[in-house]
Amino acid sequence: TIYDGHEKLGYLELPLTIQYKIGKFYFGAGPSVSFKLFARNTKVGGNTYELPFYKALDAGANVLTGYTVSDRWDVNLRYSHGLTVISKGPNYVQTQNRFLNLSLLYSLK
């Protein structure tokens, strides 16, 4: 029997970023820590299963670049690279978090 499943992971990331601004452009880098919110496998025989083997904490390194469009609007691009192996599977398969984020920011001040 072959099953089609989808693993879904949710982490809450708390980044600490040091930024440097040159005119309207800015660049930044720094560490982050992430806390697991959920890990589940869906669509396996119509059922959802919790996946307890993913680690609860992850450490990462972030870099970002951005542009100040106006007094209230910014756009930035951030890459986060997980430094922790959050799961080790069979045949030495290792899982690490990585993501690319494009943000449009609006300042309320």
Protein backbone atom coordinates (compact mmCIF):
# COMPACT_ATOMS: atom_id res chain seq x y z
CA THR A 1 0.00 0.00 0.00
CA ILE A 2 1.24 3.49 -0.89
CA TYR A 3 0.16 6.50 1.16
CA ASP A 4 0.42 10.15 0.17
CA GLY A 5 1.20 12.18 3.31
CA HIS A 6 2.16 15.76 4.02
CA GLU A 7 4.32 16.70 7.00
CA LYS A 8 3.48 20.14 8.36
CA LEU A 9 5.76 21.86 10.86
CA GLY A 10 5.14 25.14 12.64
CA TYR A 11 7.85 27.03 14.53
CA LEU A 12 7.72 30.44 16.23
CA GLU A 13 11.00 32.22 15.50
CA LEU A 14 12.50 34.97 17.65
CA PRO A 15 15.31 36.64 15.65
CA LEU A 16 17.87 39.14 16.94
CA THR A 17 19.07 41.21 13.99
CA ILE A 18 21.69 43.95 13.88
CA GLN A 19 21.00 46.30 10.96
CA TYR A 20 23.15 48.80 9.09
CA LYS A 21 21.52 51.47 6.93
CA ILE A 22 23.05 53.16 3.85
CA GLY A 23 20.63 55.76 2.51
CA LYS A 24 17.35 53.95 1.83
CA PHE A 25 18.96 50.47 1.80
CA TYR A 26 19.64 48.40 4.91
CA PHE A 27 21.37 45.12 5.62
CA GLY A 28 21.32 42.92 8.68
CA ALA A 29 22.35 39.63 10.23
CA GLY A 30 21.98 37.79 13.50
CA PRO A 31 20.98 34.66 15.37
CA SER A 32 17.51 33.32 16.12
CA VAL A 33 15.86 30.73 18.31
CA SER A 34 12.68 28.90 17.26
CA PHE A 35 10.12 27.01 19.32
CA LYS A 36 8.08 24.16 17.82
CA LEU A 37 4.33 24.86 17.81
CA PHE A 38 3.21 21.72 15.97
CA ALA A 39 4.42 18.82 13.83
CA ARG A 40 1.88 16.62 12.12
CA ASN A 41 1.38 14.35 9.14
CA THR A 42 -1.86 14.87 7.23
CA LYS A 43 -3.65 13.00 4.48
CA VAL A 44 -2.44 9.53 5.47
CA GLY A 45 -5.49 7.38 4.95
CA GLY A 46 -7.65 10.43 5.70
CA ASN A 47 -6.19 10.81 9.21
CA THR A 48 -3.86 13.28 10.92
CA TYR A 49 -1.01 12.09 13.13
CA GLU A 50 1.18 14.08 15.51
CA LEU A 51 4.92 13.71 14.85
CA PRO A 52 6.71 13.70 18.24
CA PHE A 53 10.25 13.14 16.91
CA TYR A 54 10.92 16.74 15.77
CA LYS A 55 12.95 18.75 18.28
CA ALA A 56 11.18 21.44 20.29
CA LEU A 57 13.98 24.04 19.85
CA ASP A 58 15.93 25.20 16.81
CA ALA A 59 18.77 27.69 16.48
CA GLY A 60 19.36 29.62 13.28
CA ALA A 61 21.32 32.33 11.50
CA ASN A 62 19.55 35.10 9.56
CA VAL A 63 20.55 37.63 6.93
CA LEU A 64 18.34 40.32 5.46
CA THR A 65 18.35 43.20 3.04
CA GLY A 66 15.71 45.87 2.69
CA TYR A 67 14.70 49.14 1.13
CA THR A 68 12.82 52.07 2.69
CA VAL A 69 10.17 53.05 0.14
CA SER A 70 8.74 55.99 2.15
CA ASP A 71 8.40 57.21 5.75
CA ARG A 72 5.88 54.44 6.44
CA TRP A 73 6.69 51.65 3.94
CA ASP A 74 9.62 49.21 3.77
CA VAL A 75 10.19 46.05 1.80
CA ASN A 76 12.74 43.43 2.85
CA LEU A 77 14.00 39.96 2.01
CA ARG A 78 15.23 37.61 4.77
CA TYR A 79 16.85 34.19 4.68
CA SER A 80 16.96 31.96 7.75
CA HIS A 81 19.26 28.95 7.90
CA GLY A 82 18.60 26.40 10.66
CA LEU A 83 21.74 25.30 12.47
CA THR A 84 20.15 22.46 14.44
CA VAL A 85 19.28 19.04 13.06
CA ILE A 86 15.63 18.91 14.15
CA SER A 87 15.08 15.28 13.12
CA LYS A 88 17.15 12.25 12.17
CA GLY A 89 15.38 9.68 10.07
CA PRO A 90 16.29 6.27 8.71
CA ASN A 91 19.31 5.94 6.42
CA TYR A 92 20.96 9.00 8.04
CA VAL A 93 18.45 11.48 6.59
CA GLN A 94 18.66 14.75 8.53
CA THR A 95 16.11 17.60 8.59
CA GLN A 96 16.96 21.27 9.12
CA ASN A 97 14.76 24.39 8.90
CA ARG A 98 15.40 26.91 6.12
CA PHE A 99 13.21 29.64 4.69
CA LEU A 100 13.15 32.73 2.51
CA ASN A 101 10.80 35.55 3.50
CA LEU A 102 9.65 38.60 1.52
CA SER A 103 8.00 41.26 3.73
CA LEU A 104 6.13 44.47 3.08
CA LEU A 105 6.20 46.57 6.27
CA TYR A 106 3.99 49.48 7.29
CA SER A 107 4.97 51.73 10.21
CA LEU A 108 2.16 52.90 12.51
CA LYS A 109 4.09 55.89 13.87
